[in-house]
Amino acid sequence: MPVVPVVSNAEQILPGASFTDRFAVVVSGERLDVGTAAERVFRHRPSWIGALMALRNLLVRPFGLKTRDEDLAPELERKGMFPVLSQSERQMVLGLDDRHLDFRLLVELKELGGGRQEVSATTLVRPHNMLGRAYLCAVMPFHKIIVPAMLARAAKP
């Protein structure tokens, strides 16, 4: 799954983001809306991703980082563990602000014609301090495996 150019409105979605990446998959033979695409990406995550998240939570808890669902904006709708911050016809913005960094995950749809759609996931991160920068470095190798693996699920009904 190739890394593709980042969205043009990244600065408006998370001003000052110092890390951005974007992955995309093409879906054909059906028409998705952004809610369905996001639901497919986050539903029934593979057990190996759950195990990595459990390990992450164990390791960051001593630093006071958010690790439980009740810490993650319980009043907002969620896709997976992430709160939905905004949604339009073609874009859903999920994200979280924490003491070490703020992040946004954009799930977007683009019509390609011929019954095909591109579903993309763009990650934006704004670290606040040394802990945020260290955390980003530590999770990056996993991020580059997890995001494409989860995004590929959008193409599977």
N, C-alpha and C. Protein backbone atom coordinates (compact mmCIF):
# COMPACT_ATOMS: atom_id res chain seq x y z
N MET A 1 0.86 -1.18 0.00
CA MET A 1 0.00 0.00 0.00
C MET A 1 0.90 1.23 0.00
N PRO A 2 0.84 2.02 -1.04
CA PRO A 2 1.76 3.15 -1.15
C PRO A 2 1.41 4.30 -0.21
N VAL A 3 2.45 5.02 0.17
CA VAL A 3 2.25 6.28 0.88
C VAL A 3 1.95 7.30 -0.20
N VAL A 4 0.93 8.10 0.02
CA VAL A 4 0.51 9.07 -0.99
C VAL A 4 0.61 10.48 -0.43
N PRO A 5 0.56 11.51 -1.27
CA PRO A 5 0.69 12.88 -0.77
C PRO A 5 -0.33 13.22 0.32
N VAL A 6 0.11 14.03 1.25
CA VAL A 6 -0.73 14.44 2.38
C VAL A 6 -1.77 15.46 1.92
N VAL A 7 -2.90 15.50 2.62
CA VAL A 7 -4.00 16.40 2.28
C VAL A 7 -3.55 17.86 2.37
N SER A 8 -4.17 18.70 1.56
CA SER A 8 -3.77 20.10 1.48
C SER A 8 -4.22 20.92 2.68
N ASN A 9 -5.26 20.47 3.39
CA ASN A 9 -5.78 21.27 4.51
C ASN A 9 -5.27 20.79 5.86
N ALA A 10 -4.13 20.10 5.90
CA ALA A 10 -3.60 19.57 7.15
C ALA A 10 -3.38 20.67 8.19
N GLU A 11 -2.88 21.81 7.77
CA GLU A 11 -2.60 22.91 8.71
C GLU A 11 -3.88 23.44 9.35
N GLN A 12 -4.99 23.37 8.65
CA GLN A 12 -6.26 23.82 9.23
C GLN A 12 -6.81 22.79 10.22
N ILE A 13 -6.54 21.53 9.98
CA ILE A 13 -7.08 20.48 10.84
C ILE A 13 -6.30 20.37 12.13
N LEU A 14 -4.96 20.44 12.05
CA LEU A 14 -4.12 20.41 13.25
C LEU A 14 -2.95 21.36 13.04
N PRO A 15 -3.17 22.65 13.36
CA PRO A 15 -2.10 23.63 13.16
C PRO A 15 -0.83 23.23 13.91
N GLY A 16 0.29 23.39 13.24
CA GLY A 16 1.57 23.09 13.87
C GLY A 16 1.96 21.62 13.87
N ALA A 17 1.20 20.78 13.17
CA ALA A 17 1.55 19.36 13.12
C ALA A 17 2.94 19.21 12.50
N SER A 18 3.81 18.46 13.17
CA SER A 18 5.17 18.28 12.65
C SER A 18 5.36 16.91 12.01
N PHE A 19 4.37 16.05 12.13
CA PHE A 19 4.42 14.75 11.47
C PHE A 19 3.12 14.53 10.71
N THR A 20 3.24 14.12 9.46
CA THR A 20 2.07 13.75 8.68
C THR A 20 2.43 12.57 7.79
N ASP A 21 1.48 11.68 7.61
CA ASP A 21 1.61 10.65 6.60
C ASP A 21 0.23 10.27 6.11
N ARG A 22 0.19 9.60 4.98
CA ARG A 22 -1.09 9.24 4.38
C ARG A 22 -0.94 7.93 3.62
N PHE A 23 -1.87 7.03 3.84
CA PHE A 23 -1.93 5.76 3.13
C PHE A 23 -3.29 5.67 2.46
N ALA A 24 -3.36 4.94 1.34
CA ALA A 24 -4.64 4.84 0.62
C ALA A 24 -4.81 3.44 0.05
N VAL A 25 -6.08 3.08 -0.12
CA VAL A 25 -6.46 1.82 -0.74
C VAL A 25 -7.61 2.12 -1.70
N VAL A 26 -7.70 1.37 -2.79
CA VAL A 26 -8.78 1.55 -3.75
C VAL A 26 -9.83 0.47 -3.51
N VAL A 27 -11.08 0.91 -3.43
CA VAL A 27 -12.23 0.02 -3.26
C VAL A 27 -13.00 0.03 -4.56
N SER A 28 -13.34 -1.14 -5.08
CA SER A 28 -14.14 -1.19 -6.30
C SER A 28 -15.31 -2.14 -6.13
N GLY A 29 -16.34 -1.90 -6.94
CA GLY A 29 -17.50 -2.78 -6.93
C GLY A 29 -18.57 -2.42 -5.93
N GLU A 30 -18.35 -1.39 -5.13
CA GLU A 30 -19.38 -0.92 -4.19
C GLU A 30 -19.11 0.54 -3.88
N ARG A 31 -20.14 1.22 -3.42
CA ARG A 31 -20.02 2.64 -3.07
C ARG A 31 -20.11 2.78 -1.57
N LEU A 32 -19.04 3.29 -0.95
CA LEU A 32 -18.99 3.48 0.49
C LEU A 32 -19.29 4.93 0.84
N ASP A 33 -19.85 5.14 2.02
CA ASP A 33 -19.86 6.48 2.60
C ASP A 33 -18.73 6.51 3.62
N VAL A 34 -18.36 7.70 4.09
CA VAL A 34 -17.20 7.82 4.96
C VAL A 34 -17.42 7.09 6.29
N GLY A 35 -18.64 7.07 6.80
CA GLY A 35 -18.91 6.35 8.05
C GLY A 35 -18.70 4.86 7.91
N THR A 36 -19.16 4.29 6.81
CA THR A 36 -18.98 2.86 6.56
C THR A 36 -17.50 2.54 6.37
N ALA A 37 -16.79 3.39 5.64
CA ALA A 37 -15.36 3.16 5.44
C ALA A 37 -14.62 3.16 6.78
N ALA A 38 -14.91 4.15 7.63
CA ALA A 38 -14.25 4.22 8.94
C ALA A 38 -14.63 3.02 9.81
N GLU A 39 -15.89 2.62 9.76
CA GLU A 39 -16.34 1.46 10.54
C GLU A 39 -15.57 0.21 10.13
N ARG A 40 -15.39 0.02 8.83
CA ARG A 40 -14.63 -1.15 8.35
C ARG A 40 -13.18 -1.11 8.81
N VAL A 41 -12.58 0.07 8.77
CA VAL A 41 -11.19 0.21 9.17
C VAL A 41 -11.00 -0.19 10.64
N PHE A 42 -11.94 0.20 11.49
CA PHE A 42 -11.75 0.01 12.93
C PHE A 42 -12.44 -1.20 13.54
N ARG A 43 -13.34 -1.86 12.81
CA ARG A 43 -14.05 -2.98 13.41
C ARG A 43 -13.14 -4.21 13.52
N HIS A 44 -13.38 -4.98 14.53
CA HIS A 44 -12.71 -6.28 14.72
C HIS A 44 -11.22 -6.22 14.41
N ARG A 45 -10.52 -5.36 15.13
CA ARG A 45 -9.09 -5.26 14.85
C ARG A 45 -8.41 -6.60 15.11
N PRO A 46 -7.39 -6.91 14.34
CA PRO A 46 -6.68 -8.18 14.54
C PRO A 46 -6.10 -8.28 15.95
N SER A 47 -5.98 -9.49 16.46
CA SER A 47 -5.52 -9.69 17.83
C SER A 47 -4.10 -9.16 18.04
N TRP A 48 -3.26 -9.20 17.02
CA TRP A 48 -1.90 -8.71 17.20
C TRP A 48 -1.88 -7.19 17.42
N ILE A 49 -2.85 -6.48 16.83
CA ILE A 49 -2.94 -5.03 17.07
C ILE A 49 -3.44 -4.79 18.49
N GLY A 50 -4.42 -5.57 18.94
CA GLY A 50 -4.90 -5.46 20.31
C GLY A 50 -3.79 -5.72 21.32
N ALA A 51 -2.94 -6.70 21.04
CA ALA A 51 -1.82 -7.01 21.94
C ALA A 51 -0.82 -5.85 21.98
N LEU A 52 -0.54 -5.25 20.82
CA LEU A 52 0.37 -4.09 20.79
C LEU A 52 -0.22 -2.91 21.56
N MET A 53 -1.53 -2.68 21.43
CA MET A 53 -2.17 -1.58 22.16
C MET A 53 -2.14 -1.82 23.67
N ALA A 54 -2.35 -3.07 24.08
CA ALA A 54 -2.29 -3.40 25.51
C ALA A 54 -0.88 -3.15 26.05
N LEU A 55 0.14 -3.53 25.28
CA LEU A 55 1.52 -3.28 25.68
C LEU A 55 1.79 -1.78 25.74
N ARG A 56 1.32 -1.04 24.76
CA ARG A 56 1.48 0.42 24.76
C ARG A 56 0.87 1.02 26.01
N ASN A 57 -0.35 0.61 26.36
CA ASN A 57 -1.02 1.16 27.53
C ASN A 57 -0.24 0.86 28.81
N LEU A 58 0.29 -0.33 28.91
CA LEU A 58 1.08 -0.72 30.08
C LEU A 58 2.33 0.15 30.20
N LEU A 59 2.98 0.40 29.08
CA LEU A 59 4.23 1.16 29.09
C LEU A 59 4.04 2.65 29.33
N VAL A 60 2.94 3.24 28.87
CA VAL A 60 2.76 4.69 29.00
C VAL A 60 1.98 5.11 30.23
N ARG A 61 1.30 4.18 30.88
CA ARG A 61 0.51 4.52 32.07
C ARG A 61 1.35 5.26 33.12
N PRO A 62 2.60 4.84 33.41
CA PRO A 62 3.40 5.56 34.42
C PRO A 62 3.67 7.02 34.06
N PHE A 63 3.55 7.37 32.79
CA PHE A 63 3.80 8.75 32.36
C PHE A 63 2.54 9.61 32.38
N GLY A 64 1.41 9.03 32.81
CA GLY A 64 0.16 9.77 32.90
C GLY A 64 -0.55 9.99 31.59
N LEU A 65 -0.22 9.19 30.58
CA LEU A 65 -0.88 9.35 29.28
C LEU A 65 -2.21 8.61 29.28
N LYS A 66 -3.10 9.04 28.40
CA LYS A 66 -4.44 8.45 28.33
C LYS A 66 -4.35 7.02 27.82
N THR A 67 -4.98 6.10 28.58
CA THR A 67 -4.91 4.68 28.22
C THR A 67 -6.25 3.99 28.24
N ARG A 68 -7.25 4.59 28.84
CA ARG A 68 -8.55 3.92 28.97
C ARG A 68 -9.60 4.65 28.16
N ASP A 69 -10.62 3.90 27.74
CA ASP A 69 -11.70 4.51 26.96
C ASP A 69 -12.34 5.68 27.69
N GLU A 70 -12.50 5.57 29.01
CA GLU A 70 -13.17 6.66 29.73
C GLU A 70 -12.32 7.93 29.77
N ASP A 71 -11.02 7.81 29.49
CA ASP A 71 -10.15 8.99 29.40
C ASP A 71 -10.28 9.70 28.06
N LEU A 72 -10.91 9.04 27.10
CA LEU A 72 -10.88 9.49 25.72
C LEU A 72 -12.19 10.14 25.29
N ALA A 73 -12.55 11.25 25.91
CA ALA A 73 -13.75 12.01 25.53
C ALA A 73 -14.99 11.12 25.45
N PRO A 74 -15.50 10.64 26.58
CA PRO A 74 -16.61 9.68 26.58
C PRO A 74 -17.90 10.22 25.98
N GLU A 75 -18.04 11.54 25.87
CA GLU A 75 -19.28 12.11 25.35
C GLU A 75 -19.35 12.09 23.82
N LEU A 76 -18.25 11.79 23.16
CA LEU A 76 -18.21 11.83 21.70
C LEU A 76 -18.43 10.45 21.09
N GLU A 77 -19.00 10.45 19.87
CA GLU A 77 -19.09 9.21 19.09
C GLU A 77 -17.68 8.71 18.82
N ARG A 78 -17.54 7.41 18.65
CA ARG A 78 -16.23 6.81 18.41
C ARG A 78 -16.25 5.91 17.19
N LYS A 79 -15.09 5.79 16.62
CA LYS A 79 -14.78 4.74 15.65
C LYS A 79 -13.57 4.04 16.24
N GLY A 80 -13.74 2.79 16.58
CA GLY A 80 -12.69 2.11 17.33
C GLY A 80 -12.54 2.81 18.66
N MET A 81 -11.34 3.09 19.07
CA MET A 81 -11.13 3.77 20.35
C MET A 81 -11.06 5.29 20.20
N PHE A 82 -11.13 5.80 18.98
CA PHE A 82 -10.89 7.21 18.75
C PHE A 82 -12.18 8.03 18.65
N PRO A 83 -12.24 9.16 19.37
CA PRO A 83 -13.40 10.05 19.26
C PRO A 83 -13.50 10.69 17.88
N VAL A 84 -14.73 10.80 17.38
CA VAL A 84 -15.00 11.49 16.11
C VAL A 84 -15.13 12.98 16.43
N LEU A 85 -14.26 13.80 15.87
CA LEU A 85 -14.26 15.23 16.14
C LEU A 85 -15.11 16.01 15.14
N SER A 86 -15.15 15.53 13.89
CA SER A 86 -16.00 16.16 12.88
C SER A 86 -16.19 15.18 11.73
N GLN A 87 -17.23 15.48 10.95
CA GLN A 87 -17.53 14.60 9.82
C GLN A 87 -18.25 15.39 8.75
N SER A 88 -17.84 15.15 7.51
CA SER A 88 -18.54 15.69 6.35
C SER A 88 -18.84 14.51 5.43
N GLU A 89 -19.36 14.79 4.27
CA GLU A 89 -19.71 13.71 3.34
C GLU A 89 -18.49 12.89 2.93
N ARG A 90 -17.35 13.53 2.81
CA ARG A 90 -16.15 12.87 2.29
C ARG A 90 -15.03 12.71 3.31
N GLN A 91 -15.17 13.25 4.52
CA GLN A 91 -14.06 13.23 5.47
C GLN A 91 -14.57 13.06 6.90
N MET A 92 -13.92 12.18 7.65
CA MET A 92 -14.18 12.03 9.07
C MET A 92 -12.86 12.32 9.79
N VAL A 93 -12.91 13.20 10.79
CA VAL A 93 -11.73 13.55 11.56
C VAL A 93 -11.88 12.95 12.95
N LEU A 94 -10.94 12.09 13.29
CA LEU A 94 -10.89 11.48 14.61
C LEU A 94 -9.66 12.04 15.29
N GLY A 95 -9.62 12.01 16.61
CA GLY A 95 -8.41 12.50 17.24
C GLY A 95 -8.51 12.60 18.73
N LEU A 96 -7.40 13.05 19.28
CA LEU A 96 -7.27 13.12 20.72
C LEU A 96 -6.17 14.13 21.05
N ASP A 97 -6.39 14.89 22.10
CA ASP A 97 -5.36 15.79 22.62
C ASP A 97 -4.92 15.24 23.97
N ASP A 98 -3.63 15.13 24.17
CA ASP A 98 -3.09 14.60 25.42
C ASP A 98 -1.96 15.52 25.85
N ARG A 99 -1.39 15.25 27.02
CA ARG A 99 -0.37 16.15 27.53
C ARG A 99 0.93 16.08 26.74
N HIS A 100 1.19 14.96 26.07
CA HIS A 100 2.44 14.81 25.33
C HIS A 100 2.32 15.16 23.84
N LEU A 101 1.12 14.96 23.28
CA LEU A 101 0.92 15.30 21.87
C LEU A 101 -0.56 15.34 21.54
N ASP A 102 -0.89 15.98 20.43
CA ASP A 102 -2.23 15.96 19.86
C ASP A 102 -2.12 15.23 18.53
N PHE A 103 -3.15 14.46 18.20
CA PHE A 103 -3.13 13.81 16.89
C PHE A 103 -4.50 13.85 16.27
N ARG A 104 -4.51 13.77 14.95
CA ARG A 104 -5.74 13.66 14.18
C ARG A 104 -5.55 12.54 13.16
N LEU A 105 -6.60 11.80 12.95
CA LEU A 105 -6.64 10.77 11.92
C LEU A 105 -7.80 11.11 11.00
N LEU A 106 -7.51 11.34 9.74
CA LEU A 106 -8.54 11.67 8.76
C LEU A 106 -8.82 10.44 7.91
N VAL A 107 -10.07 10.04 7.87
CA VAL A 107 -10.50 9.00 6.94
C VAL A 107 -11.25 9.74 5.84
N GLU A 108 -10.78 9.57 4.60
CA GLU A 108 -11.35 10.33 3.49
C GLU A 108 -11.71 9.43 2.32
N LEU A 109 -12.71 9.88 1.57
CA LEU A 109 -13.14 9.20 0.35
C LEU A 109 -12.91 10.11 -0.84
N LYS A 110 -12.49 9.50 -1.94
CA LYS A 110 -12.33 10.23 -3.20
C LYS A 110 -12.86 9.34 -4.31
N GLU A 111 -13.75 9.89 -5.11
CA GLU A 111 -14.29 9.15 -6.25
C GLU A 111 -13.24 9.09 -7.35
N LEU A 112 -13.00 7.90 -7.88
CA LEU A 112 -12.01 7.72 -8.94
C LEU A 112 -12.65 7.44 -10.29
N GLY A 113 -13.96 7.21 -10.30
CA GLY A 113 -14.65 6.86 -11.54
C GLY A 113 -14.58 5.36 -11.79
N GLY A 114 -15.43 4.90 -12.67
CA GLY A 114 -15.44 3.48 -13.01
C GLY A 114 -15.82 2.59 -11.85
N GLY A 115 -16.63 3.11 -10.92
CA GLY A 115 -17.04 2.31 -9.76
C GLY A 115 -15.95 2.11 -8.73
N ARG A 116 -14.94 2.99 -8.75
CA ARG A 116 -13.84 2.87 -7.79
C ARG A 116 -13.78 4.10 -6.89
N GLN A 117 -13.38 3.87 -5.64
CA GLN A 117 -13.17 4.94 -4.67
C GLN A 117 -11.83 4.73 -4.00
N GLU A 118 -11.18 5.84 -3.68
CA GLU A 118 -9.98 5.78 -2.85
C GLU A 118 -10.40 6.04 -1.41
N VAL A 119 -10.00 5.18 -0.50
CA VAL A 119 -10.18 5.40 0.93
C VAL A 119 -8.79 5.66 1.48
N SER A 120 -8.62 6.79 2.13
CA SER A 120 -7.29 7.13 2.66
C SER A 120 -7.36 7.41 4.15
N ALA A 121 -6.21 7.22 4.78
CA ALA A 121 -6.04 7.54 6.20
C ALA A 121 -4.82 8.45 6.31
N THR A 122 -5.05 9.65 6.82
CA THR A 122 -3.98 10.62 7.02
C THR A 122 -3.81 10.82 8.51
N THR A 123 -2.58 10.72 8.97
CA THR A 123 -2.26 10.94 10.38
C THR A 123 -1.52 12.26 10.51
N LEU A 124 -1.95 13.09 11.45
CA LEU A 124 -1.30 14.36 11.76
C LEU A 124 -0.95 14.34 13.24
N VAL A 125 0.28 14.72 13.59
CA VAL A 125 0.70 14.71 14.99
C VAL A 125 1.42 16.01 15.33
N ARG A 126 1.06 16.58 16.49
CA ARG A 126 1.71 17.77 17.02
C ARG A 126 2.25 17.44 18.41
N PRO A 127 3.53 17.09 18.53
CA PRO A 127 4.10 16.83 19.86
C PRO A 127 4.19 18.13 20.66
N HIS A 128 4.01 18.01 21.98
CA HIS A 128 4.09 19.19 22.85
C HIS A 128 5.43 19.33 23.55
N ASN A 129 6.14 18.23 23.70
CA ASN A 129 7.33 18.24 24.53
C ASN A 129 8.23 17.06 24.16
N MET A 130 9.30 16.88 24.93
CA MET A 130 10.24 15.79 24.67
C MET A 130 9.56 14.43 24.76
N LEU A 131 8.64 14.27 25.72
CA LEU A 131 7.92 13.00 25.85
C LEU A 131 7.12 12.72 24.58
N GLY A 132 6.47 13.73 24.03
CA GLY A 132 5.71 13.55 22.80
C GLY A 132 6.58 13.16 21.62
N ARG A 133 7.74 13.79 21.52
CA ARG A 133 8.66 13.45 20.42
C ARG A 133 9.22 12.04 20.60
N ALA A 134 9.55 11.67 21.84
CA ALA A 134 10.06 10.31 22.11
C ALA A 134 8.98 9.27 21.84
N TYR A 135 7.75 9.57 22.25
CA TYR A 135 6.63 8.64 22.01
C TYR A 135 6.43 8.44 20.51
N LEU A 136 6.45 9.52 19.76
CA LEU A 136 6.26 9.42 18.31
C LEU A 136 7.36 8.55 17.68
N CYS A 137 8.59 8.74 18.09
CA CYS A 137 9.69 7.91 17.57
C CYS A 137 9.50 6.44 17.93
N ALA A 138 9.02 6.18 19.14
CA ALA A 138 8.85 4.80 19.59
C ALA A 138 7.73 4.07 18.86
N VAL A 139 6.64 4.77 18.56
CA VAL A 139 5.50 4.10 17.92
C VAL A 139 5.56 4.08 16.40
N MET A 140 6.44 4.89 15.81
CA MET A 140 6.45 5.02 14.36
C MET A 140 6.63 3.70 13.61
N PRO A 141 7.55 2.83 14.00
CA PRO A 141 7.68 1.57 13.26
C PRO A 141 6.38 0.76 13.26
N PHE A 142 5.66 0.79 14.37
CA PHE A 142 4.39 0.06 14.48
C PHE A 142 3.29 0.75 13.69
N HIS A 143 3.27 2.07 13.75
CA HIS A 143 2.29 2.87 13.02
C HIS A 143 2.33 2.53 11.53
N LYS A 144 3.53 2.42 10.98
CA LYS A 144 3.68 2.18 9.54
C LYS A 144 3.24 0.78 9.13
N ILE A 145 3.07 -0.11 10.09
CA ILE A 145 2.54 -1.45 9.82
C ILE A 145 1.04 -1.50 10.10
N ILE A 146 0.63 -0.90 11.23
CA ILE A 146 -0.76 -0.98 11.68
C ILE A 146 -1.71 -0.22 10.76
N VAL A 147 -1.38 1.02 10.40
CA VAL A 147 -2.32 1.83 9.61
C VAL A 147 -2.63 1.18 8.26
N PRO A 148 -1.64 0.76 7.47
CA PRO A 148 -1.99 0.09 6.21
C PRO A 148 -2.78 -1.20 6.42
N ALA A 149 -2.45 -1.96 7.46
CA ALA A 149 -3.17 -3.21 7.72
C ALA A 149 -4.64 -2.94 8.03
N MET A 150 -4.90 -1.91 8.82
CA MET A 150 -6.28 -1.58 9.16
C MET A 150 -7.00 -0.94 7.98
N LEU A 151 -6.30 -0.10 7.23
CA LEU A 151 -6.92 0.55 6.07
C LEU A 151 -7.34 -0.46 5.01
N ALA A 152 -6.58 -1.51 4.84
CA ALA A 152 -6.92 -2.54 3.85
C ALA A 152 -8.28 -3.16 4.14
N ARG A 153 -8.72 -3.09 5.38
CA ARG A 153 -10.02 -3.65 5.77
C ARG A 153 -11.19 -2.88 5.15
N ALA A 154 -10.95 -1.65 4.72
CA ALA A 154 -12.02 -0.87 4.08
C ALA A 154 -12.47 -1.51 2.77
N ALA A 155 -11.59 -2.27 2.14
CA ALA A 155 -11.91 -2.90 0.86
C ALA A 155 -12.61 -4.24 1.03
N LYS A 156 -12.82 -4.65 2.29
CA LYS A 156 -13.45 -5.95 2.55
C LYS A 156 -14.81 -5.75 3.20
N PRO A 157 -15.89 -6.17 2.51
CA PRO A 157 -17.24 -5.99 3.08
C PRO A 157 -17.44 -6.75 4.39
